[in-house]
Full PDB file with SEQRES, HELIX, SHEET, SSBOND, CRYST1, ORIGX, SCALE, CONECT and MASTER records, all heavy atoms in Angstrom:
SEQRES   1 A   40  HIS ALA ALA ARG THR LEU ASN CYS THR THR ILE ALA ASP          
SEQRES   2 A   40  VAL CYS ARG GLU ARG LEU LYS ARG ALA PHE GLU ARG SER          
SEQRES   3 A   40  LYS SER ARG THR GLY PHE LYS SER PHE ILE LEU ALA PRO          
SEQRES   4 A   40  GLU                                                          
HELIX    1 AA1 ALA A    2  LEU A    6  5                                   5    
HELIX    2 AA2 ILE A   11  SER A   26  1                                  16    
CRYST1    1.000    1.000    1.000  90.00  90.00  90.00 P 1           1          
ORIGX1      1.000000  0.000000  0.000000        0.00000                         
ORIGX2      0.000000  1.000000  0.000000        0.00000                         
ORIGX3      0.000000  0.000000  1.000000        0.00000                         
SCALE1      1.000000  0.000000  0.000000        0.00000                         
SCALE2      0.000000  1.000000  0.000000        0.00000                         
SCALE3      0.000000  0.000000  1.000000        0.00000                         
ATOM      1  N   HIS A   1    -118.389  70.161   2.935  1.00  0.00           N  
ATOM      2  CA  HIS A   1    -118.493  70.129   4.399  1.00  0.00           C  
ATOM      3  C   HIS A   1    -118.904  71.506   4.917  1.00  0.00           C  
ATOM      4  O   HIS A   1    -118.405  72.533   4.471  1.00  0.00           O  
ATOM      5  CB  HIS A   1    -117.151  69.715   5.013  1.00  0.00           C  
ATOM      6  CG  HIS A   1    -117.243  69.311   6.438  1.00  0.00           C  
ATOM      7  ND1 HIS A   1    -117.401  70.219   7.458  1.00  0.00           N  
ATOM      8  CD2 HIS A   1    -117.201  68.090   7.024  1.00  0.00           C  
ATOM      9  CE1 HIS A   1    -117.447  69.587   8.608  1.00  0.00           C  
ATOM     10  NE2 HIS A   1    -117.324  68.284   8.368  1.00  0.00           N  
ATOM     11  N   ALA A   2    -119.815  71.525   5.882  1.00  0.00           N  
ATOM     12  CA  ALA A   2    -120.342  72.785   6.434  1.00  0.00           C  
ATOM     13  C   ALA A   2    -119.242  73.659   7.047  1.00  0.00           C  
ATOM     14  O   ALA A   2    -119.338  74.890   7.007  1.00  0.00           O  
ATOM     15  CB  ALA A   2    -121.409  72.481   7.473  1.00  0.00           C  
ATOM     16  N   ALA A   3    -118.199  73.059   7.593  1.00  0.00           N  
ATOM     17  CA  ALA A   3    -117.129  73.837   8.235  1.00  0.00           C  
ATOM     18  C   ALA A   3    -116.331  74.663   7.228  1.00  0.00           C  
ATOM     19  O   ALA A   3    -115.624  75.587   7.617  1.00  0.00           O  
ATOM     20  CB  ALA A   3    -116.198  72.914   9.005  1.00  0.00           C  
ATOM     21  N   ARG A   4    -116.447  74.361   5.957  1.00  0.00           N  
ATOM     22  CA  ARG A   4    -115.737  75.168   4.948  1.00  0.00           C  
ATOM     23  C   ARG A   4    -116.239  76.600   4.921  1.00  0.00           C  
ATOM     24  O   ARG A   4    -115.506  77.499   4.518  1.00  0.00           O  
ATOM     25  CB  ARG A   4    -115.836  74.513   3.581  1.00  0.00           C  
ATOM     26  CG  ARG A   4    -114.948  73.271   3.507  1.00  0.00           C  
ATOM     27  CD  ARG A   4    -114.625  72.936   2.070  1.00  0.00           C  
ATOM     28  NE  ARG A   4    -113.741  71.799   1.994  1.00  0.00           N  
ATOM     29  CZ  ARG A   4    -112.453  71.884   1.698  1.00  0.00           C  
ATOM     30  NH1 ARG A   4    -111.906  73.040   1.435  1.00  0.00           N  
ATOM     31  NH2 ARG A   4    -111.722  70.788   1.640  1.00  0.00           N  
ATOM     32  N   THR A   5    -117.472  76.835   5.383  1.00  0.00           N  
ATOM     33  CA  THR A   5    -117.983  78.213   5.455  1.00  0.00           C  
ATOM     34  C   THR A   5    -117.250  79.014   6.527  1.00  0.00           C  
ATOM     35  O   THR A   5    -117.331  80.233   6.544  1.00  0.00           O  
ATOM     36  CB  THR A   5    -119.498  78.238   5.734  1.00  0.00           C  
ATOM     37  OG1 THR A   5    -119.745  77.631   7.002  1.00  0.00           O  
ATOM     38  CG2 THR A   5    -120.269  77.528   4.643  1.00  0.00           C  
ATOM     39  N   LEU A   6    -116.536  78.321   7.421  1.00  0.00           N  
ATOM     40  CA  LEU A   6    -115.744  78.973   8.467  1.00  0.00           C  
ATOM     41  C   LEU A   6    -114.262  79.029   8.092  1.00  0.00           C  
ATOM     42  O   LEU A   6    -113.404  79.234   8.941  1.00  0.00           O  
ATOM     43  CB  LEU A   6    -115.893  78.204   9.791  1.00  0.00           C  
ATOM     44  CG  LEU A   6    -117.306  78.049  10.320  1.00  0.00           C  
ATOM     45  CD1 LEU A   6    -117.327  77.091  11.496  1.00  0.00           C  
ATOM     46  CD2 LEU A   6    -117.870  79.400  10.705  1.00  0.00           C  
ATOM     47  N   ASN A   7    -113.959  78.817   6.816  1.00  0.00           N  
ATOM     48  CA  ASN A   7    -112.588  78.796   6.290  1.00  0.00           C  
ATOM     49  C   ASN A   7    -111.771  77.626   6.822  1.00  0.00           C  
ATOM     50  O   ASN A   7    -110.543  77.712   6.906  1.00  0.00           O  
ATOM     51  CB  ASN A   7    -111.868  80.124   6.563  1.00  0.00           C  
ATOM     52  CG  ASN A   7    -112.482  81.261   5.800  1.00  0.00           C  
ATOM     53  OD1 ASN A   7    -112.920  81.093   4.669  1.00  0.00           O  
ATOM     54  ND2 ASN A   7    -112.543  82.416   6.423  1.00  0.00           N  
ATOM     55  N   CYS A   8    -112.418  76.541   7.194  1.00  0.00           N  
ATOM     56  CA  CYS A   8    -111.728  75.328   7.622  1.00  0.00           C  
ATOM     57  C   CYS A   8    -111.581  74.414   6.411  1.00  0.00           C  
ATOM     58  O   CYS A   8    -112.557  74.169   5.704  1.00  0.00           O  
ATOM     59  CB  CYS A   8    -112.517  74.606   8.714  1.00  0.00           C  
ATOM     60  SG  CYS A   8    -112.676  75.537  10.236  1.00  0.00           S  
ATOM     61  N   THR A   9    -110.372  73.927   6.185  1.00  0.00           N  
ATOM     62  CA  THR A   9    -110.159  73.008   5.072  1.00  0.00           C  
ATOM     63  C   THR A   9    -109.756  71.613   5.560  1.00  0.00           C  
ATOM     64  O   THR A   9    -109.771  70.671   4.786  1.00  0.00           O  
ATOM     65  CB  THR A   9    -109.080  73.534   4.102  1.00  0.00           C  
ATOM     66  OG1 THR A   9    -107.866  73.724   4.827  1.00  0.00           O  
ATOM     67  CG2 THR A   9    -109.521  74.842   3.454  1.00  0.00           C  
ATOM     68  N   THR A  10    -109.369  71.504   6.843  1.00  0.00           N  
ATOM     69  CA  THR A  10    -108.966  70.217   7.402  1.00  0.00           C  
ATOM     70  C   THR A  10    -109.683  69.966   8.723  1.00  0.00           C  
ATOM     71  O   THR A  10    -110.230  70.894   9.334  1.00  0.00           O  
ATOM     72  CB  THR A  10    -107.445  70.167   7.672  1.00  0.00           C  
ATOM     73  OG1 THR A  10    -107.136  71.095   8.718  1.00  0.00           O  
ATOM     74  CG2 THR A  10    -106.637  70.478   6.428  1.00  0.00           C  
ATOM     75  N   ILE A  11    -109.635  68.722   9.178  1.00  0.00           N  
ATOM     76  CA  ILE A  11    -110.215  68.393  10.478  1.00  0.00           C  
ATOM     77  C   ILE A  11    -109.471  69.146  11.580  1.00  0.00           C  
ATOM     78  O   ILE A  11    -110.082  69.611  12.552  1.00  0.00           O  
ATOM     79  CB  ILE A  11    -110.170  66.868  10.718  1.00  0.00           C  
ATOM     80  CG1 ILE A  11    -111.070  66.159   9.704  1.00  0.00           C  
ATOM     81  CG2 ILE A  11    -110.599  66.526  12.133  1.00  0.00           C  
ATOM     82  CD1 ILE A  11    -110.988  64.654   9.741  1.00  0.00           C  
ATOM     83  N   ALA A  12    -108.163  69.308  11.437  1.00  0.00           N  
ATOM     84  CA  ALA A  12    -107.383  70.060  12.427  1.00  0.00           C  
ATOM     85  C   ALA A  12    -107.859  71.512  12.512  1.00  0.00           C  
ATOM     86  O   ALA A  12    -107.913  72.095  13.599  1.00  0.00           O  
ATOM     87  CB  ALA A  12    -105.899  69.992  12.089  1.00  0.00           C  
ATOM     88  N   ASP A  13    -108.229  72.109  11.378  1.00  0.00           N  
ATOM     89  CA  ASP A  13    -108.780  73.469  11.376  1.00  0.00           C  
ATOM     90  C   ASP A  13    -110.083  73.522  12.173  1.00  0.00           C  
ATOM     91  O   ASP A  13    -110.326  74.468  12.924  1.00  0.00           O  
ATOM     92  CB  ASP A  13    -109.070  73.949   9.951  1.00  0.00           C  
ATOM     93  CG  ASP A  13    -107.834  74.178   9.112  1.00  0.00           C  
ATOM     94  OD1 ASP A  13    -106.744  74.374   9.683  1.00  0.00           O  
ATOM     95  OD2 ASP A  13    -107.963  74.154   7.869  1.00  0.00           O  
ATOM     96  N   VAL A  14    -110.921  72.510  12.006  1.00  0.00           N  
ATOM     97  CA  VAL A  14    -112.194  72.440  12.733  1.00  0.00           C  
ATOM     98  C   VAL A  14    -111.918  72.374  14.238  1.00  0.00           C  
ATOM     99  O   VAL A  14    -112.566  73.061  15.037  1.00  0.00           O  
ATOM    100  CB  VAL A  14    -113.040  71.225  12.285  1.00  0.00           C  
ATOM    101  CG1 VAL A  14    -114.264  71.057  13.153  1.00  0.00           C  
ATOM    102  CG2 VAL A  14    -113.421  71.349  10.814  1.00  0.00           C  
ATOM    103  N   CYS A  15    -110.945  71.575  14.624  1.00  0.00           N  
ATOM    104  CA  CYS A  15    -110.572  71.440  16.034  1.00  0.00           C  
ATOM    105  C   CYS A  15    -110.146  72.787  16.608  1.00  0.00           C  
ATOM    106  O   CYS A  15    -110.632  73.199  17.670  1.00  0.00           O  
ATOM    107  CB  CYS A  15    -109.453  70.412  16.168  1.00  0.00           C  
ATOM    108  SG  CYS A  15    -108.940  70.078  17.851  1.00  0.00           S  
ATOM    109  N   ARG A  16    -109.265  73.495  15.906  1.00  0.00           N  
ATOM    110  CA  ARG A  16    -108.805  74.801  16.382  1.00  0.00           C  
ATOM    111  C   ARG A  16    -109.963  75.788  16.493  1.00  0.00           C  
ATOM    112  O   ARG A  16    -110.079  76.522  17.474  1.00  0.00           O  
ATOM    113  CB  ARG A  16    -107.735  75.362  15.447  1.00  0.00           C  
ATOM    114  CG  ARG A  16    -106.358  74.785  15.687  1.00  0.00           C  
ATOM    115  CD  ARG A  16    -105.301  75.521  14.871  1.00  0.00           C  
ATOM    116  NE  ARG A  16    -105.411  75.236  13.445  1.00  0.00           N  
ATOM    117  CZ  ARG A  16    -104.878  74.168  12.866  1.00  0.00           C  
ATOM    118  NH1 ARG A  16    -104.190  73.302  13.570  1.00  0.00           N  
ATOM    119  NH2 ARG A  16    -105.003  73.977  11.574  1.00  0.00           N  
ATOM    120  N   GLU A  17    -110.846  75.801  15.498  1.00  0.00           N  
ATOM    121  CA  GLU A  17    -111.981  76.721  15.509  1.00  0.00           C  
ATOM    122  C   GLU A  17    -112.912  76.427  16.685  1.00  0.00           C  
ATOM    123  O   GLU A  17    -113.390  77.337  17.369  1.00  0.00           O  
ATOM    124  CB  GLU A  17    -112.741  76.629  14.184  1.00  0.00           C  
ATOM    125  CG  GLU A  17    -113.871  77.628  14.041  1.00  0.00           C  
ATOM    126  CD  GLU A  17    -113.415  79.081  14.051  1.00  0.00           C  
ATOM    127  OE1 GLU A  17    -112.288  79.373  13.607  1.00  0.00           O  
ATOM    128  OE2 GLU A  17    -114.210  79.926  14.510  1.00  0.00           O  
ATOM    129  N   ARG A  18    -113.166  75.149  16.936  1.00  0.00           N  
ATOM    130  CA  ARG A  18    -114.036  74.771  18.057  1.00  0.00           C  
ATOM    131  C   ARG A  18    -113.436  75.226  19.383  1.00  0.00           C  
ATOM    132  O   ARG A  18    -114.135  75.748  20.253  1.00  0.00           O  
ATOM    133  CB  ARG A  18    -114.252  73.266  18.069  1.00  0.00           C  
ATOM    134  CG  ARG A  18    -115.152  72.823  19.198  1.00  0.00           C  
ATOM    135  CD  ARG A  18    -115.372  71.339  19.166  1.00  0.00           C  
ATOM    136  NE  ARG A  18    -116.411  70.949  20.086  1.00  0.00           N  
ATOM    137  CZ  ARG A  18    -117.064  69.810  20.021  1.00  0.00           C  
ATOM    138  NH1 ARG A  18    -116.792  68.939  19.064  1.00  0.00           N  
ATOM    139  NH2 ARG A  18    -117.991  69.515  20.890  1.00  0.00           N  
ATOM    140  N   LEU A  19    -112.133  75.020  19.551  1.00  0.00           N  
ATOM    141  CA  LEU A  19    -111.495  75.423  20.801  1.00  0.00           C  
ATOM    142  C   LEU A  19    -111.503  76.937  20.970  1.00  0.00           C  
ATOM    143  O   LEU A  19    -111.732  77.442  22.069  1.00  0.00           O  
ATOM    144  CB  LEU A  19    -110.068  74.876  20.862  1.00  0.00           C  
ATOM    145  CG  LEU A  19    -109.974  73.354  20.967  1.00  0.00           C  
ATOM    146  CD1 LEU A  19    -108.521  72.915  20.923  1.00  0.00           C  
ATOM    147  CD2 LEU A  19    -110.661  72.836  22.209  1.00  0.00           C  
ATOM    148  N   LYS A  20    -111.260  77.682  19.895  1.00  0.00           N  
ATOM    149  CA  LYS A  20    -111.326  79.148  19.973  1.00  0.00           C  
ATOM    150  C   LYS A  20    -112.692  79.577  20.488  1.00  0.00           C  
ATOM    151  O   LYS A  20    -112.796  80.402  21.395  1.00  0.00           O  
ATOM    152  CB  LYS A  20    -111.105  79.776  18.593  1.00  0.00           C  
ATOM    153  CG  LYS A  20    -109.702  79.859  18.155  1.00  0.00           C  
ATOM    154  CD  LYS A  20    -109.649  80.637  16.850  1.00  0.00           C  
ATOM    155  CE  LYS A  20    -108.661  80.010  15.910  1.00  0.00           C  
ATOM    156  NZ  LYS A  20    -108.659  80.622  14.581  1.00  0.00           N  
ATOM    157  N   ARG A  21    -113.734  79.006  19.908  1.00  0.00           N  
ATOM    158  CA  ARG A  21    -115.093  79.378  20.299  1.00  0.00           C  
ATOM    159  C   ARG A  21    -115.409  78.956  21.729  1.00  0.00           C  
ATOM    160  O   ARG A  21    -116.062  79.691  22.474  1.00  0.00           O  
ATOM    161  CB  ARG A  21    -116.099  78.775  19.327  1.00  0.00           C  
ATOM    162  CG  ARG A  21    -116.028  79.414  17.955  1.00  0.00           C  
ATOM    163  CD  ARG A  21    -116.808  78.628  16.916  1.00  0.00           C  
ATOM    164  NE  ARG A  21    -116.638  79.215  15.612  1.00  0.00           N  
ATOM    165  CZ  ARG A  21    -117.608  79.846  14.955  1.00  0.00           C  
ATOM    166  NH1 ARG A  21    -118.811  79.949  15.475  1.00  0.00           N  
ATOM    167  NH2 ARG A  21    -117.373  80.359  13.772  1.00  0.00           N  
ATOM    168  N   ALA A  22    -114.931  77.775  22.135  1.00  0.00           N  
ATOM    169  CA  ALA A  22    -115.170  77.294  23.503  1.00  0.00           C  
ATOM    170  C   ALA A  22    -114.512  78.213  24.525  1.00  0.00           C  
ATOM    171  O   ALA A  22    -115.116  78.551  25.548  1.00  0.00           O  
ATOM    172  CB  ALA A  22    -114.658  75.867  23.657  1.00  0.00           C  
ATOM    173  N   PHE A  23    -113.278  78.635  24.264  1.00  0.00           N  
ATOM    174  CA  PHE A  23    -112.587  79.511  25.202  1.00  0.00           C  
ATOM    175  C   PHE A  23    -113.213  80.907  25.216  1.00  0.00           C  
ATOM    176  O   PHE A  23    -113.264  81.546  26.262  1.00  0.00           O  
ATOM    177  CB  PHE A  23    -111.098  79.575  24.881  1.00  0.00           C  
ATOM    178  CG  PHE A  23    -110.318  78.430  25.458  1.00  0.00           C  
ATOM    179  CD1 PHE A  23    -110.113  77.273  24.727  1.00  0.00           C  
ATOM    180  CD2 PHE A  23    -109.803  78.498  26.740  1.00  0.00           C  
ATOM    181  CE1 PHE A  23    -109.405  76.212  25.252  1.00  0.00           C  
ATOM    182  CE2 PHE A  23    -109.094  77.437  27.284  1.00  0.00           C  
ATOM    183  CZ  PHE A  23    -108.896  76.288  26.544  1.00  0.00           C  
ATOM    184  N   GLU A  24    -113.704  81.373  24.073  1.00  0.00           N  
ATOM    185  CA  GLU A  24    -114.393  82.669  24.046  1.00  0.00           C  
ATOM    186  C   GLU A  24    -115.670  82.613  24.878  1.00  0.00           C  
ATOM    187  O   GLU A  24    -115.969  83.537  25.630  1.00  0.00           O  
ATOM    188  CB  GLU A  24    -114.718  83.067  22.609  1.00  0.00           C  
ATOM    189  CG  GLU A  24    -113.527  83.535  21.821  1.00  0.00           C  
ATOM    190  CD  GLU A  24    -113.835  83.749  20.350  1.00  0.00           C  
ATOM    191  OE1 GLU A  24    -115.009  83.609  19.936  1.00  0.00           O  
ATOM    192  OE2 GLU A  24    -112.886  84.035  19.597  1.00  0.00           O  
ATOM    193  N   ARG A  25    -116.436  81.519  24.738  1.00  0.00           N  
ATOM    194  CA  ARG A  25    -117.678  81.367  25.513  1.00  0.00           C  
ATOM    195  C   ARG A  25    -117.404  81.311  27.009  1.00  0.00           C  
ATOM    196  O   ARG A  25    -118.168  81.839  27.802  1.00  0.00           O  
ATOM    197  CB  ARG A  25    -118.415  80.091  25.102  1.00  0.00           C  
ATOM    198  CG  ARG A  25    -119.280  80.221  23.893  1.00  0.00           C  
ATOM    199  CD  ARG A  25    -120.221  79.042  23.756  1.00  0.00           C  
ATOM    200  NE  ARG A  25    -119.584  77.748  23.864  1.00  0.00           N  
ATOM    201  CZ  ARG A  25    -118.988  77.079  22.871  1.00  0.00           C  
ATOM    202  NH1 ARG A  25    -118.969  77.605  21.670  1.00  0.00           N  
ATOM    203  NH2 ARG A  25    -118.446  75.905  23.067  1.00  0.00           N  
ATOM    204  N   SER A  26    -116.318  80.654  27.388  1.00  0.00           N  
ATOM    205  CA  SER A  26    -116.037  80.487  28.812  1.00  0.00           C  
ATOM    206  C   SER A  26    -115.432  81.747  29.423  1.00  0.00           C  
ATOM    207  O   SER A  26    -115.344  81.866  30.631  1.00  0.00           O  
ATOM    208  CB  SER A  26    -115.093  79.306  29.037  1.00  0.00           C  
ATOM    209  OG  SER A  26    -113.782  79.628  28.642  1.00  0.00           O  
ATOM    210  N   LYS A  27    -115.020  82.666  28.565  1.00  0.00           N  
ATOM    211  CA  LYS A  27    -114.355  83.889  29.006  1.00  0.00           C  
ATOM    212  C   LYS A  27    -113.170  83.570  29.917  1.00  0.00           C  
ATOM    213  O   LYS A  27    -112.862  84.281  30.857  1.00  0.00           O  
ATOM    214  CB  LYS A  27    -115.350  84.824  29.696  1.00  0.00           C  
ATOM    215  CG  LYS A  27    -116.436  85.315  28.758  1.00  0.00           C  
ATOM    216  CD  LYS A  27    -117.376  86.244  29.465  1.00  0.00           C  
ATOM    217  CE  LYS A  27    -118.395  86.858  28.550  1.00  0.00           C  
ATOM    218  NZ  LYS A  27    -119.210  86.026  27.775  1.00  0.00           N  
ATOM    219  N   SER A  28    -112.532  82.459  29.621  1.00  0.00           N  
ATOM    220  CA  SER A  28    -111.383  82.005  30.387  1.00  0.00           C  
ATOM    221  C   SER A  28    -110.193  82.905  30.124  1.00  0.00           C  
ATOM    222  O   SER A  28    -110.015  83.414  29.030  1.00  0.00           O  
ATOM    223  CB  SER A  28    -111.050  80.568  29.981  1.00  0.00           C  
ATOM    224  OG  SER A  28    -109.860  80.158  30.586  1.00  0.00           O  
ATOM    225  N   ARG A  29    -109.373  83.090  31.124  1.00  0.00           N  
ATOM    226  CA  ARG A  29    -108.149  83.869  30.946  1.00  0.00           C  
ATOM    227  C   ARG A  29    -107.067  83.022  30.289  1.00  0.00           C  
ATOM    228  O   ARG A  29    -106.029  83.511  29.903  1.00  0.00           O  
ATOM    229  CB  ARG A  29    -107.635  84.373  32.282  1.00  0.00           C  
ATOM    230  CG  ARG A  29    -108.517  85.431  32.873  1.00  0.00           C  
ATOM    231  CD  ARG A  29    -107.857  85.996  34.094  1.00  0.00           C  
ATOM    232  NE  ARG A  29    -108.897  86.384  35.034  1.00  0.00           N  
ATOM    233  CZ  ARG A  29    -108.668  86.769  36.245  1.00  0.00           C  
ATOM    234  NH1 ARG A  29    -107.444  86.807  36.704  1.00  0.00           N  
ATOM    235  NH2 ARG A  29    -109.646  87.109  37.038  1.00  0.00           N  
ATOM    236  N   THR A  30    -107.320  81.728  30.244  1.00  0.00           N  
ATOM    237  CA  THR A  30    -106.345  80.841  29.621  1.00  0.00           C  
ATOM    238  C   THR A  30    -106.681  80.669  28.147  1.00  0.00           C  
ATOM    239  O   THR A  30    -107.691  81.158  27.666  1.00  0.00           O  
ATOM    240  CB  THR A  30    -106.345  79.464  30.313  1.00  0.00           C  
ATOM    241  OG1 THR A  30    -107.633  78.898  30.174  1.00  0.00           O  
ATOM    242  CG2 THR A  30    -105.967  79.582  31.773  1.00  0.00           C  
ATOM    243  N   GLY A  31    -105.873  79.969  27.470  1.00  0.00           N  
ATOM    244  CA  GLY A  31    -106.096  79.714  26.057  1.00  0.00           C  
ATOM    245  C   GLY A  31    -105.381  78.452  25.651  1.00  0.00           C  
ATOM    246  O   GLY A  31    -105.110  77.595  26.483  1.00  0.00           O  
ATOM    247  N   PHE A  32    -105.055  78.363  24.382  1.00  0.00           N  
ATOM    248  CA  PHE A  32    -104.352  77.185  23.903  1.00  0.00           C  
ATOM    249  C   PHE A  32    -103.358  77.592  22.835  1.00  0.00           C  
ATOM    250  O   PHE A  32    -103.470  78.656  22.237  1.00  0.00           O  
ATOM    251  CB  PHE A  32    -105.337  76.132  23.376  1.00  0.00           C  
ATOM    252  CG  PHE A  32    -106.046  76.539  22.121  1.00  0.00           C  
ATOM    253  CD1 PHE A  32    -105.561  76.127  20.884  1.00  0.00           C  
ATOM    254  CD2 PHE A  32    -107.184  77.319  22.161  1.00  0.00           C  
ATOM    255  CE1 PHE A  32    -106.207  76.500  19.723  1.00  0.00           C  
ATOM    256  CE2 PHE A  32    -107.835  77.693  21.007  1.00  0.00           C  
ATOM    257  CZ  PHE A  32    -107.346  77.281  19.778  1.00  0.00           C  
ATOM    258  N   LYS A  33    -102.388  76.735  22.634  1.00  0.00           N  
ATOM    259  CA  LYS A  33    -101.405  76.929  21.579  1.00  0.00           C  
ATOM    260  C   LYS A  33    -101.646  75.846  20.538  1.00  0.00           C  
ATOM    261  O   LYS A  33    -101.984  74.730  20.875  1.00  0.00           O  
ATOM    262  CB  LYS A  33     -99.985  76.803  22.120  1.00  0.00           C  
ATOM    263  CG  LYS A  33     -99.604  77.899  23.069  1.00  0.00           C  
ATOM    264  CD  LYS A  33     -98.192  77.701  23.560  1.00  0.00           C  
ATOM    265  CE  LYS A  33     -97.848  78.763  24.579  1.00  0.00           C  
ATOM    266  NZ  LYS A  33     -96.501  78.574  25.114  1.00  0.00           N  
ATOM    267  N   SER A  34    -101.447  76.207  19.299  1.00  0.00           N  
ATOM    268  CA  SER A  34    -101.619  75.257  18.208  1.00  0.00           C  
ATOM    269  C   SER A  34    -100.333  75.220  17.398  1.00  0.00           C  
ATOM    270  O   SER A  34     -99.774  76.260  17.045  1.00  0.00           O  
ATOM    271  CB  SER A  34    -102.785  75.716  17.323  1.00  0.00           C  
ATOM    272  OG  SER A  34    -102.908  74.863  16.207  1.00  0.00           O  
ATOM    273  N   PHE A  35     -99.872  74.013  17.129  1.00  0.00           N  
ATOM    274  CA  PHE A  35     -98.651  73.834  16.352  1.00  0.00           C  
ATOM    275  C   PHE A  35     -98.979  73.057  15.090  1.00  0.00           C  
ATOM    276  O   PHE A  35     -99.756  72.094  15.132  1.00  0.00           O  
ATOM    277  CB  PHE A  35     -97.609  73.057  17.164  1.00  0.00           C  
ATOM    278  CG  PHE A  35     -97.202  73.773  18.408  1.00  0.00           C  
ATOM    279  CD1 PHE A  35     -97.826  73.510  19.607  1.00  0.00           C  
ATOM    280  CD2 PHE A  35     -96.194  74.730  18.386  1.00  0.00           C  
ATOM    281  CE1 PHE A  35     -97.468  74.166  20.780  1.00  0.00           C  
ATOM    282  CE2 PHE A  35     -95.829  75.388  19.538  1.00  0.00           C  
ATOM    283  CZ  PHE A  35     -96.456  75.104  20.738  1.00  0.00           C  
ATOM    284  N   ILE A  36     -98.398  73.456  13.987  1.00  0.00           N  
ATOM    285  CA  ILE A  36     -98.568  72.748  12.724  1.00  0.00           C  
ATOM    286  C   ILE A  36     -97.198  72.193  12.344  1.00  0.00           C  
ATOM    287  O   ILE A  36     -96.217  72.947  12.222  1.00  0.00           O  
ATOM    288  CB  ILE A  36     -99.101  73.688  11.631  1.00  0.00           C  
ATOM    289  CG1 ILE A  36    -100.465  74.228  12.034  1.00  0.00           C  
ATOM    290  CG2 ILE A  36     -99.166  72.967  10.297  1.00  0.00           C  
ATOM    291  CD1 ILE A  36    -101.009  75.298  11.117  1.00  0.00           C  
ATOM    292  N   LEU A  37     -97.145  70.887  12.197  1.00  0.00           N  
ATOM    293  CA  LEU A  37     -95.877  70.263  11.817  1.00  0.00           C  
ATOM    294  C   LEU A  37     -95.675  70.385  10.315  1.00  0.00           C  
ATOM    295  O   LEU A  37     -96.600  70.220   9.529  1.00  0.00           O  
ATOM    296  CB  LEU A  37     -95.890  68.788  12.210  1.00  0.00           C  
ATOM    297  CG  LEU A  37     -96.021  68.512  13.699  1.00  0.00           C  
ATOM    298  CD1 LEU A  37     -96.025  67.010  13.947  1.00  0.00           C  
ATOM    299  CD2 LEU A  37     -94.902  69.179  14.482  1.00  0.00           C  
ATOM    300  N   ALA A  38     -94.458  70.678   9.955  1.00  0.00           N  
ATOM    301  CA  ALA A  38     -94.105  70.805   8.536  1.00  0.00           C  
ATOM    302  C   ALA A  38     -93.162  69.661   8.175  1.00  0.00           C  
ATOM    303  O   ALA A  38     -92.420  69.164   9.022  1.00  0.00           O  
ATOM    304  CB  ALA A  38     -93.441  72.141   8.286  1.00  0.00           C  
ATOM    305  N   PRO A  39     -93.171  69.240   6.921  1.00  0.00           N  
ATOM    306  CA  PRO A  39     -92.239  68.191   6.519  1.00  0.00           C  
ATOM    307  C   PRO A  39     -90.802  68.673   6.667  1.00  0.00           C  
ATOM    308  O   PRO A  39     -90.510  69.847   6.508  1.00  0.00           O  
ATOM    309  CB  PRO A  39     -92.586  67.926   5.068  1.00  0.00           C  
ATOM    310  CG  PRO A  39     -93.500  68.993   4.640  1.00  0.00           C  
ATOM    311  CD  PRO A  39     -94.004  69.713   5.843  1.00  0.00           C  
ATOM    312  N   GLU A  40     -89.928  67.725   6.948  1.00  0.00           N  
ATOM    313  CA  GLU A  40     -88.516  68.055   7.076  1.00  0.00           C  
ATOM    314  C   GLU A  40     -87.977  68.435   5.708  1.00  0.00           C  
ATOM    315  O   GLU A  40     -88.268  67.792   4.709  1.00  0.00           O  
ATOM    316  CB  GLU A  40     -87.768  66.853   7.632  1.00  0.00           C  
ATOM    317  CG  GLU A  40     -86.344  67.149   7.994  1.00  0.00           C  
ATOM    318  CD  GLU A  40     -85.678  65.947   8.631  1.00  0.00           C  
ATOM    319  OE1 GLU A  40     -86.377  65.102   9.203  1.00  0.00           O  
ATOM    320  OE2 GLU A  40     -84.448  65.879   8.524  1.00  0.00           O  
TER     321      GLU A  40                                                      
MASTER        0    0    0    2    0    0    0    6  320    1    0    4          
END                                                                             
């Protein structure tokens, strides 16, 4: 997958990377939080 060149190994990684880039382009003062659930 082409996204592996961006150190993405999962679809969730691709989502986070896309949002980082979108917020950088918009120069928004806001951002987003990302949570990774772990097994109990």
